[in-house]
Amino acid sequence: MSNRILPLELIDKAIGSPIWILMRGQTELTGILRGFDDYVNLVLDDAVEYSPDPRNKSEIVTKRLETEILLNGNHVAVMVPGSKGPADSMASQAT
């Protein structure tokens, strides 16, 4: 038997870990993955939202969300388990 892993199995392994989520459009979120369902609706703790400033598209607005949040799976484009987001990505590119 091969060592294939299904998408929902990968998400299941990420529960309790940091995750970086790129939404459709230009919004990104980071947080701790607490749960998900078969539609890939996600529950995050300690979430931080990164979105473009509507007045200056080159600036990024960071917003800390204080409570658990539920993300609609239809709007999730990419998930990066184990990553802490854009800052984590930029740091790894610098080394």
PDB file of N, CA and C in Angstrom:
ATOM      1  N   MET A   1       0.848  -1.189   0.000  1.00  0.00           N
ATOM      2  CA  MET A   1       0.000   0.000   0.000  1.00  0.00           C
ATOM      3  C   MET A   1       0.885   1.241   0.000  1.00  0.00           C
ATOM      4  N   SER A   2       0.524   2.228  -0.803  1.00  0.00           N
ATOM      5  CA  SER A   2       1.336   3.444  -0.898  1.00  0.00           C
ATOM      6  C   SER A   2       1.107   4.360   0.303  1.00  0.00           C
ATOM      7  N   ASN A   3       1.952   5.356   0.435  1.00  0.00           N
ATOM      8  CA  ASN A   3       1.885   6.292   1.556  1.00  0.00           C
ATOM      9  C   ASN A   3       1.086   7.540   1.189  1.00  0.00           C
ATOM     10  N   ARG A   4      -0.056   7.356   0.557  1.00  0.00           N
ATOM     11  CA  ARG A   4      -0.889   8.496   0.185  1.00  0.00           C
ATOM     12  C   ARG A   4      -1.601   9.038   1.414  1.00  0.00           C
ATOM     13  N   ILE A   5      -1.822  10.336   1.396  1.00  0.00           N
ATOM     14  CA  ILE A   5      -2.574  10.978   2.477  1.00  0.00           C
ATOM     15  C   ILE A   5      -3.678  11.804   1.823  1.00  0.00           C
ATOM     16  N   LEU A   6      -4.879  11.672   2.337  1.00  0.00           N
ATOM     17  CA  LEU A   6      -6.021  12.402   1.799  1.00  0.00           C
ATOM     18  C   LEU A   6      -6.058  13.817   2.370  1.00  0.00           C
ATOM     19  N   PRO A   7      -6.670  14.754   1.648  1.00  0.00           N
ATOM     20  CA  PRO A   7      -6.695  16.151   2.117  1.00  0.00           C
ATOM     21  C   PRO A   7      -7.270  16.318   3.523  1.00  0.00           C
ATOM     22  N   LEU A   8      -8.388  15.679   3.822  1.00  0.00           N
ATOM     23  CA  LEU A   8      -8.975  15.836   5.151  1.00  0.00           C
ATOM     24  C   LEU A   8      -8.090  15.222   6.241  1.00  0.00           C
ATOM     25  N   GLU A   9      -7.298  14.199   5.895  1.00  0.00           N
ATOM     26  CA  GLU A   9      -6.355  13.632   6.860  1.00  0.00           C
ATOM     27  C   GLU A   9      -5.251  14.636   7.189  1.00  0.00           C
ATOM     28  N   LEU A  10      -4.797  15.372   6.186  1.00  0.00           N
ATOM     29  CA  LEU A  10      -3.768  16.393   6.406  1.00  0.00           C
ATOM     30  C   LEU A  10      -4.299  17.491   7.310  1.00  0.00           C
ATOM     31  N   ILE A  11      -5.528  17.936   7.048  1.00  0.00           N
ATOM     32  CA  ILE A  11      -6.135  18.971   7.888  1.00  0.00           C
ATOM     33  C   ILE A  11      -6.313  18.452   9.312  1.00  0.00           C
ATOM     34  N   ASP A  12      -6.722  17.196   9.455  1.00  0.00           N
ATOM     35  CA  ASP A  12      -6.908  16.590  10.778  1.00  0.00           C
ATOM     36  C   ASP A  12      -5.597  16.579  11.569  1.00  0.00           C
ATOM     37  N   LYS A  13      -4.484  16.309  10.904  1.00  0.00           N
ATOM     38  CA  LYS A  13      -3.179  16.309  11.577  1.00  0.00           C
ATOM     39  C   LYS A  13      -2.771  17.706  12.034  1.00  0.00           C
ATOM     40  N   ALA A  14      -3.349  18.738  11.417  1.00  0.00           N
ATOM     41  CA  ALA A  14      -2.992  20.126  11.746  1.00  0.00           C
ATOM     42  C   ALA A  14      -3.790  20.688  12.923  1.00  0.00           C
ATOM     43  N   ILE A  15      -4.779  19.963  13.425  1.00  0.00           N
ATOM     44  CA  ILE A  15      -5.572  20.471  14.549  1.00  0.00           C
ATOM     45  C   ILE A  15      -4.658  20.711  15.747  1.00  0.00           C
ATOM     46  N   GLY A  16      -4.816  21.884  16.353  1.00  0.00           N
ATOM     47  CA  GLY A  16      -3.993  22.279  17.496  1.00  0.00           C
ATOM     48  C   GLY A  16      -2.702  22.965  17.112  1.00  0.00           C
ATOM     49  N   SER A  17      -2.455  23.094  15.821  1.00  0.00           N
ATOM     50  CA  SER A  17      -1.221  23.709  15.317  1.00  0.00           C
ATOM     51  C   SER A  17      -1.523  25.036  14.630  1.00  0.00           C
ATOM     52  N   PRO A  18      -0.483  25.863  14.459  1.00  0.00           N
ATOM     53  CA  PRO A  18      -0.672  27.097  13.687  1.00  0.00           C
ATOM     54  C   PRO A  18      -0.993  26.760  12.234  1.00  0.00           C
ATOM     55  N   ILE A  19      -1.776  27.622  11.614  1.00  0.00           N
ATOM     56  CA  ILE A  19      -2.115  27.432  10.206  1.00  0.00           C
ATOM     57  C   ILE A  19      -2.237  28.807   9.548  1.00  0.00           C
ATOM     58  N   TRP A  20      -1.816  28.881   8.310  1.00  0.00           N
ATOM     59  CA  TRP A  20      -1.901  30.099   7.505  1.00  0.00           C
ATOM     60  C   TRP A  20      -2.918  29.821   6.413  1.00  0.00           C
ATOM     61  N   ILE A  21      -3.921  30.668   6.297  1.00  0.00           N
ATOM     62  CA  ILE A  21      -5.001  30.452   5.338  1.00  0.00           C
ATOM     63  C   ILE A  21      -5.080  31.636   4.393  1.00  0.00           C
ATOM     64  N   LEU A  22      -5.029  31.343   3.108  1.00  0.00           N
ATOM     65  CA  LEU A  22      -5.212  32.351   2.071  1.00  0.00           C
ATOM     66  C   LEU A  22      -6.633  32.197   1.564  1.00  0.00           C
ATOM     67  N   MET A  23      -7.401  33.257   1.685  1.00  0.00           N
ATOM     68  CA  MET A  23      -8.787  33.242   1.269  1.00  0.00           C
ATOM     69  C   MET A  23      -8.874  33.698  -0.186  1.00  0.00           C
ATOM     70  N   ARG A  24     -10.016  33.431  -0.826  1.00  0.00           N
ATOM     71  CA  ARG A  24     -10.249  33.990  -2.162  1.00  0.00           C
ATOM     72  C   ARG A  24     -10.182  35.503  -2.030  1.00  0.00           C
ATOM     73  N   GLY A  25      -9.645  36.155  -3.013  1.00  0.00           N
ATOM     74  CA  GLY A  25      -9.416  37.592  -2.899  1.00  0.00           C
ATOM     75  C   GLY A  25      -8.020  37.808  -2.356  1.00  0.00           C
ATOM     76  N   GLN A  26      -7.856  38.788  -1.476  1.00  0.00           N
ATOM     77  CA  GLN A  26      -6.527  39.110  -0.982  1.00  0.00           C
ATOM     78  C   GLN A  26      -6.393  38.990   0.518  1.00  0.00           C
ATOM     79  N   THR A  27      -7.380  38.440   1.193  1.00  0.00           N
ATOM     80  CA  THR A  27      -7.328  38.315   2.648  1.00  0.00           C
ATOM     81  C   THR A  27      -6.595  37.044   3.043  1.00  0.00           C
ATOM     82  N   GLU A  28      -5.778  37.156   4.087  1.00  0.00           N
ATOM     83  CA  GLU A  28      -5.073  36.012   4.656  1.00  0.00           C
ATOM     84  C   GLU A  28      -5.340  35.994   6.151  1.00  0.00           C
ATOM     85  N   LEU A  29      -5.347  34.806   6.740  1.00  0.00           N
ATOM     86  CA  LEU A  29      -5.535  34.673   8.180  1.00  0.00           C
ATOM     87  C   LEU A  29      -4.523  33.686   8.720  1.00  0.00           C
ATOM     88  N   THR A  30      -4.149  33.882   9.972  1.00  0.00           N
ATOM     89  CA  THR A  30      -3.349  32.909  10.689  1.00  0.00           C
ATOM     90  C   THR A  30      -4.050  32.632  12.008  1.00  0.00           C
ATOM     91  N   GLY A  31      -3.755  31.511  12.593  1.00  0.00           N
ATOM     92  CA  GLY A  31      -4.338  31.170  13.881  1.00  0.00           C
ATOM     93  C   GLY A  31      -4.061  29.725  14.225  1.00  0.00           C
ATOM     94  N   ILE A  32      -4.677  29.276  15.296  1.00  0.00           N
ATOM     95  CA  ILE A  32      -4.559  27.887  15.733  1.00  0.00           C
ATOM     96  C   ILE A  32      -5.814  27.160  15.254  1.00  0.00           C
ATOM     97  N   LEU A  33      -5.634  26.105  14.478  1.00  0.00           N
ATOM     98  CA  LEU A  33      -6.765  25.339  13.969  1.00  0.00           C
ATOM     99  C   LEU A  33      -7.371  24.509  15.087  1.00  0.00           C
ATOM    100  N   ARG A  34      -8.648  24.711  15.363  1.00  0.00           N
ATOM    101  CA  ARG A  34      -9.353  23.967  16.421  1.00  0.00           C
ATOM    102  C   ARG A  34     -10.246  22.877  15.869  1.00  0.00           C
ATOM    103  N   GLY A  35     -10.734  23.035  14.647  1.00  0.00           N
ATOM    104  CA  GLY A  35     -11.601  22.010  14.084  1.00  0.00           C
ATOM    105  C   GLY A  35     -12.033  22.365  12.680  1.00  0.00           C
ATOM    106  N   PHE A  36     -12.695  21.394  12.031  1.00  0.00           N
ATOM    107  CA  PHE A  36     -13.193  21.563  10.670  1.00  0.00           C
ATOM    108  C   PHE A  36     -14.277  20.521  10.429  1.00  0.00           C
ATOM    109  N   ASP A  37     -14.997  20.684   9.325  1.00  0.00           N
ATOM    110  CA  ASP A  37     -15.991  19.685   8.954  1.00  0.00           C
ATOM    111  C   ASP A  37     -15.725  19.211   7.531  1.00  0.00           C
ATOM    112  N   ASP A  38     -16.615  18.384   6.990  1.00  0.00           N
ATOM    113  CA  ASP A  38     -16.420  17.825   5.651  1.00  0.00           C
ATOM    114  C   ASP A  38     -16.445  18.871   4.543  1.00  0.00           C
ATOM    115  N   TYR A  39     -16.984  20.046   4.834  1.00  0.00           N
ATOM    116  CA  TYR A  39     -17.020  21.128   3.854  1.00  0.00           C
ATOM    117  C   TYR A  39     -15.820  22.053   4.002  1.00  0.00           C
ATOM    118  N   VAL A  40     -14.898  21.709   4.863  1.00  0.00           N
ATOM    119  CA  VAL A  40     -13.698  22.467   5.178  1.00  0.00           C
ATOM    120  C   VAL A  40     -14.035  23.837   5.764  1.00  0.00           C
ATOM    121  N   ASN A  41     -15.181  23.937   6.447  1.00  0.00           N
ATOM    122  CA  ASN A  41     -15.429  25.090   7.300  1.00  0.00           C
ATOM    123  C   ASN A  41     -14.454  24.939   8.454  1.00  0.00           C
ATOM    124  N   LEU A  42     -13.777  26.000   8.837  1.00  0.00           N
ATOM    125  CA  LEU A  42     -12.701  25.925   9.817  1.00  0.00           C
ATOM    126  C   LEU A  42     -13.015  26.752  11.054  1.00  0.00           C
ATOM    127  N   VAL A  43     -12.583  26.268  12.220  1.00  0.00           N
ATOM    128  CA  VAL A  43     -12.659  27.030  13.468  1.00  0.00           C
ATOM    129  C   VAL A  43     -11.229  27.363  13.870  1.00  0.00           C
ATOM    130  N   LEU A  44     -10.958  28.671  14.082  1.00  0.00           N
ATOM    131  CA  LEU A  44      -9.624  29.141  14.467  1.00  0.00           C
ATOM    132  C   LEU A  44      -9.678  29.882  15.791  1.00  0.00           C
ATOM    133  N   ASP A  45      -8.635  29.717  16.595  1.00  0.00           N
ATOM    134  CA  ASP A  45      -8.396  30.513  17.798  1.00  0.00           C
ATOM    135  C   ASP A  45      -7.222  31.440  17.520  1.00  0.00           C
ATOM    136  N   ASP A  46      -7.130  32.528  18.282  1.00  0.00           N
ATOM    137  CA  ASP A  46      -5.999  33.461  18.186  1.00  0.00           C
ATOM    138  C   ASP A  46      -5.756  33.904  16.744  1.00  0.00           C
ATOM    139  N   ALA A  47      -6.823  34.200  16.040  1.00  0.00           N
ATOM    140  CA  ALA A  47      -6.717  34.536  14.622  1.00  0.00           C
ATOM    141  C   ALA A  47      -6.233  35.966  14.407  1.00  0.00           C
ATOM    142  N   VAL A  48      -5.453  36.130  13.357  1.00  0.00           N
ATOM    143  CA  VAL A  48      -4.999  37.444  12.900  1.00  0.00           C
ATOM    144  C   VAL A  48      -5.346  37.528  11.414  1.00  0.00           C
ATOM    145  N   GLU A  49      -5.985  38.631  11.030  1.00  0.00           N
ATOM    146  CA  GLU A  49      -6.371  38.839   9.638  1.00  0.00           C
ATOM    147  C   GLU A  49      -5.430  39.844   8.994  1.00  0.00           C
ATOM    148  N   TYR A  50      -4.968  39.518   7.805  1.00  0.00           N
ATOM    149  CA  TYR A  50      -4.114  40.400   7.013  1.00  0.00           C
ATOM    150  C   TYR A  50      -4.884  40.726   5.737  1.00  0.00           C
ATOM    151  N   SER A  51      -5.114  42.018   5.484  1.00  0.00           N
ATOM    152  CA  SER A  51      -5.829  42.412   4.265  1.00  0.00           C
ATOM    153  C   SER A  51      -5.255  43.723   3.750  1.00  0.00           C
ATOM    154  N   PRO A  52      -5.418  43.964   2.453  1.00  0.00           N
ATOM    155  CA  PRO A  52      -4.903  45.216   1.887  1.00  0.00           C
ATOM    156  C   PRO A  52      -5.669  46.420   2.414  1.00  0.00           C
ATOM    157  N   ASP A  53      -4.954  47.506   2.639  1.00  0.00           N
ATOM    158  CA  ASP A  53      -5.577  48.764   3.064  1.00  0.00           C
ATOM    159  C   ASP A  53      -6.376  49.301   1.880  1.00  0.00           C
ATOM    160  N   PRO A  54      -7.674  49.570   2.055  1.00  0.00           N
ATOM    161  CA  PRO A  54      -8.482  50.047   0.934  1.00  0.00           C
ATOM    162  C   PRO A  54      -8.002  51.389   0.364  1.00  0.00           C
ATOM    163  N   ARG A  55      -7.326  52.203   1.185  1.00  0.00           N
ATOM    164  CA  ARG A  55      -6.840  53.499   0.710  1.00  0.00           C
ATOM    165  C   ARG A  55      -5.490  53.394   0.019  1.00  0.00           C
ATOM    166  N   ASN A  56      -4.678  52.407   0.409  1.00  0.00           N
ATOM    167  CA  ASN A  56      -3.338  52.252  -0.159  1.00  0.00           C
ATOM    168  C   ASN A  56      -3.073  50.758  -0.316  1.00  0.00           C
ATOM    169  N   LYS A  57      -3.297  50.222  -1.498  1.00  0.00           N
ATOM    170  CA  LYS A  57      -3.231  48.775  -1.743  1.00  0.00           C
ATOM    171  C   LYS A  57      -1.862  48.164  -1.426  1.00  0.00           C
ATOM    172  N   SER A  58      -0.796  48.978  -1.371  1.00  0.00           N
ATOM    173  CA  SER A  58       0.523  48.428  -1.076  1.00  0.00           C
ATOM    174  C   SER A  58       0.731  48.207   0.425  1.00  0.00           C
ATOM    175  N   GLU A  59      -0.147  48.765   1.255  1.00  0.00           N
ATOM    176  CA  GLU A  59      -0.071  48.592   2.710  1.00  0.00           C
ATOM    177  C   GLU A  59      -0.967  47.428   3.140  1.00  0.00           C
ATOM    178  N   ILE A  60      -0.522  46.705   4.162  1.00  0.00           N
ATOM    179  CA  ILE A  60      -1.295  45.591   4.709  1.00  0.00           C
ATOM    180  C   ILE A  60      -1.826  45.994   6.078  1.00  0.00           C
ATOM    181  N   VAL A  61      -3.117  45.775   6.282  1.00  0.00           N
ATOM    182  CA  VAL A  61      -3.758  46.052   7.567  1.00  0.00           C
ATOM    183  C   VAL A  61      -3.799  44.740   8.352  1.00  0.00           C
ATOM    184  N   THR A  62      -3.311  44.771   9.588  1.00  0.00           N
ATOM    185  CA  THR A  62      -3.325  43.601  10.458  1.00  0.00           C
ATOM    186  C   THR A  62      -4.378  43.814  11.528  1.00  0.00           C
ATOM    187  N   LYS A  63      -5.236  42.809  11.711  1.00  0.00           N
ATOM    188  CA  LYS A  63      -6.321  42.917  12.695  1.00  0.00           C
ATOM    189  C   LYS A  63      -6.371  41.634  13.522  1.00  0.00           C
ATOM    190  N   ARG A  64      -6.162  41.763  14.835  1.00  0.00           N
ATOM    191  CA  ARG A  64      -6.254  40.598  15.728  1.00  0.00           C
ATOM    192  C   ARG A  64      -7.708  40.380  16.094  1.00  0.00           C
ATOM    193  N   LEU A  65      -8.184  39.155  15.898  1.00  0.00           N
ATOM    194  CA  LEU A  65      -9.563  38.802  16.202  1.00  0.00           C
ATOM    195  C   LEU A  65      -9.582  38.117  17.567  1.00  0.00           C
ATOM    196  N   GLU A  66     -10.337  38.639  18.498  1.00  0.00           N
ATOM    197  CA  GLU A  66     -10.263  38.251  19.908  1.00  0.00           C
ATOM    198  C   GLU A  66     -10.945  36.933  20.270  1.00  0.00           C
ATOM    199  N   THR A  67     -11.852  36.459  19.440  1.00  0.00           N
ATOM    200  CA  THR A  67     -12.610  35.262  19.795  1.00  0.00           C
ATOM    201  C   THR A  67     -12.368  34.163  18.776  1.00  0.00           C
ATOM    202  N   GLU A  68     -12.962  33.011  19.025  1.00  0.00           N
ATOM    203  CA  GLU A  68     -12.936  31.953  18.017  1.00  0.00           C
ATOM    204  C   GLU A  68     -13.664  32.456  16.781  1.00  0.00           C
ATOM    205  N   ILE A  69     -13.181  32.047  15.624  1.00  0.00           N
ATOM    206  CA  ILE A  69     -13.871  32.430  14.404  1.00  0.00           C
ATOM    207  C   ILE A  69     -14.167  31.189  13.581  1.00  0.00           C
ATOM    208  N   LEU A  70     -15.201  31.288  12.765  1.00  0.00           N
ATOM    209  CA  LEU A  70     -15.601  30.232  11.847  1.00  0.00           C
ATOM    210  C   LEU A  70     -15.409  30.749  10.435  1.00  0.00           C
ATOM    211  N   LEU A  71     -14.608  30.040   9.647  1.00  0.00           N
ATOM    212  CA  LEU A  71     -14.383  30.419   8.249  1.00  0.00           C
ATOM    213  C   LEU A  71     -15.196  29.508   7.351  1.00  0.00           C
ATOM    214  N   ASN A  72     -15.872  30.092   6.387  1.00  0.00           N
ATOM    215  CA  ASN A  72     -16.636  29.325   5.411  1.00  0.00           C
ATOM    216  C   ASN A  72     -15.656  28.663   4.443  1.00  0.00           C
ATOM    217  N   GLY A  73     -15.714  27.363   4.337  1.00  0.00           N
ATOM    218  CA  GLY A  73     -14.804  26.616   3.484  1.00  0.00           C
ATOM    219  C   GLY A  73     -14.871  26.987   2.016  1.00  0.00           C
ATOM    220  N   ASN A  74     -16.008  27.542   1.558  1.00  0.00           N
ATOM    221  CA  ASN A  74     -16.125  27.956   0.153  1.00  0.00           C
ATOM    222  C   ASN A  74     -15.193  29.101  -0.191  1.00  0.00           C
ATOM    223  N   HIS A  75     -14.708  29.823   0.806  1.00  0.00           N
ATOM    224  CA  HIS A  75     -13.862  30.984   0.562  1.00  0.00           C
ATOM    225  C   HIS A  75     -12.381  30.697   0.806  1.00  0.00           C
ATOM    226  N   VAL A  76     -12.061  29.493   1.246  1.00  0.00           N
ATOM    227  CA  VAL A  76     -10.664  29.118   1.496  1.00  0.00           C
ATOM    228  C   VAL A  76     -10.025  28.691   0.180  1.00  0.00           C
ATOM    229  N   ALA A  77      -8.898  29.311  -0.158  1.00  0.00           N
ATOM    230  CA  ALA A  77      -8.178  28.958  -1.383  1.00  0.00           C
ATOM    231  C   ALA A  77      -6.985  28.055  -1.090  1.00  0.00           C
ATOM    232  N   VAL A  78      -6.188  28.402  -0.055  1.00  0.00           N
ATOM    233  CA  VAL A  78      -4.969  27.652   0.275  1.00  0.00           C
ATOM    234  C   VAL A  78      -4.824  27.588   1.785  1.00  0.00           C
ATOM    235  N   MET A  79      -4.379  26.441   2.289  1.00  0.00           N
ATOM    236  CA  MET A  79      -4.051  26.291   3.711  1.00  0.00           C
ATOM    237  C   MET A  79      -2.610  25.821   3.817  1.00  0.00           C
ATOM    238  N   VAL A  80      -1.865  26.432   4.745  1.00  0.00           N
ATOM    239  CA  VAL A  80      -0.471  26.060   4.957  1.00  0.00           C
ATOM    240  C   VAL A  80      -0.325  25.638   6.420  1.00  0.00           C
ATOM    241  N   PRO A  81      -0.485  24.336   6.714  1.00  0.00           N
ATOM    242  CA  PRO A  81      -0.346  23.879   8.099  1.00  0.00           C
ATOM    243  C   PRO A  81       1.068  24.115   8.622  1.00  0.00           C
ATOM    244  N   GLY A  82       1.163  24.516   9.888  1.00  0.00           N
ATOM    245  CA  GLY A  82       2.459  24.713  10.527  1.00  0.00           C
ATOM    246  C   GLY A  82       3.076  26.080  10.291  1.00  0.00           C
ATOM    247  N   SER A  83       2.469  26.903   9.456  1.00  0.00           N
ATOM    248  CA  SER A  83       3.020  28.223   9.176  1.00  0.00           C
ATOM    249  C   SER A  83       2.317  29.284  10.006  1.00  0.00           C
ATOM    250  N   LYS A  84       3.063  30.315  10.374  1.00  0.00           N
ATOM    251  CA  LYS A  84       2.496  31.402  11.158  1.00  0.00           C
ATOM    252  C   LYS A  84       2.159  32.609  10.298  1.00  0.00           C
ATOM    253  N   GLY A  85       2.159  32.433   8.985  1.00  0.00           N
ATOM    254  CA  GLY A  85       1.669  33.477   8.116  1.00  0.00           C
ATOM    255  C   GLY A  85       2.699  34.207   7.310  1.00  0.00           C
ATOM    256  N   PRO A  86       2.294  35.366   6.802  1.00  0.00           N
ATOM    257  CA  PRO A  86       3.159  36.133   5.902  1.00  0.00           C
ATOM    258  C   PRO A  86       4.511  36.475   6.518  1.00  0.00           C
ATOM    259  N   ALA A  87       4.548  36.843   7.784  1.00  0.00           N
ATOM    260  CA  ALA A  87       5.825  37.177   8.429  1.00  0.00           C
ATOM    261  C   ALA A  87       6.734  35.957   8.477  1.00  0.00           C
ATOM    262  N   ASP A  88       6.178  34.785   8.752  1.00  0.00           N
ATOM    263  CA  ASP A  88       6.924  33.526   8.793  1.00  0.00           C
ATOM    264  C   ASP A  88       7.484  33.206   7.404  1.00  0.00           C
ATOM    265  N   SER A  89       6.688  33.449   6.375  1.00  0.00           N
ATOM    266  CA  SER A  89       7.095  33.194   5.007  1.00  0.00           C
ATOM    267  C   SER A  89       8.242  34.109   4.590  1.00  0.00           C
ATOM    268  N   MET A  90       8.152  35.386   4.944  1.00  0.00           N
ATOM    269  CA  MET A  90       9.203  36.339   4.581  1.00  0.00           C
ATOM    270  C   MET A  90      10.506  36.023   5.298  1.00  0.00           C
ATOM    271  N   ALA A  91      10.427  35.574   6.553  1.00  0.00           N
ATOM    272  CA  ALA A  91      11.629  35.240   7.316  1.00  0.00           C
ATOM    273  C   ALA A  91      12.339  34.039   6.688  1.00  0.00           C
ATOM    274  N   SER A  92      11.580  33.046   6.223  1.00  0.00           N
ATOM    275  CA  SER A  92      12.211  31.867   5.629  1.00  0.00           C
ATOM    276  C   SER A  92      12.831  32.190   4.282  1.00  0.00           C
ATOM    277  N   GLN A  93      12.313  33.186   3.554  1.00  0.00           N
ATOM    278  CA  GLN A  93      12.896  33.586   2.283  1.00  0.00           C
ATOM    279  C   GLN A  93      14.197  34.348   2.477  1.00  0.00           C
ATOM    280  N   ALA A  94      14.341  35.025   3.619  1.00  0.00           N
ATOM    281  CA  ALA A  94      15.543  35.818   3.882  1.00  0.00           C
ATOM    282  C   ALA A  94      16.745  34.954   4.222  1.00  0.00           C
ATOM    283  N   THR A  95      16.516  33.732   4.696  1.00  0.00           N
ATOM    284  CA  THR A  95      17.644  32.868   5.074  1.00  0.00           C
ATOM    285  C   THR A  95      18.112  32.009   3.953  1.00  0.00           C
TER     286      THR A  95
END
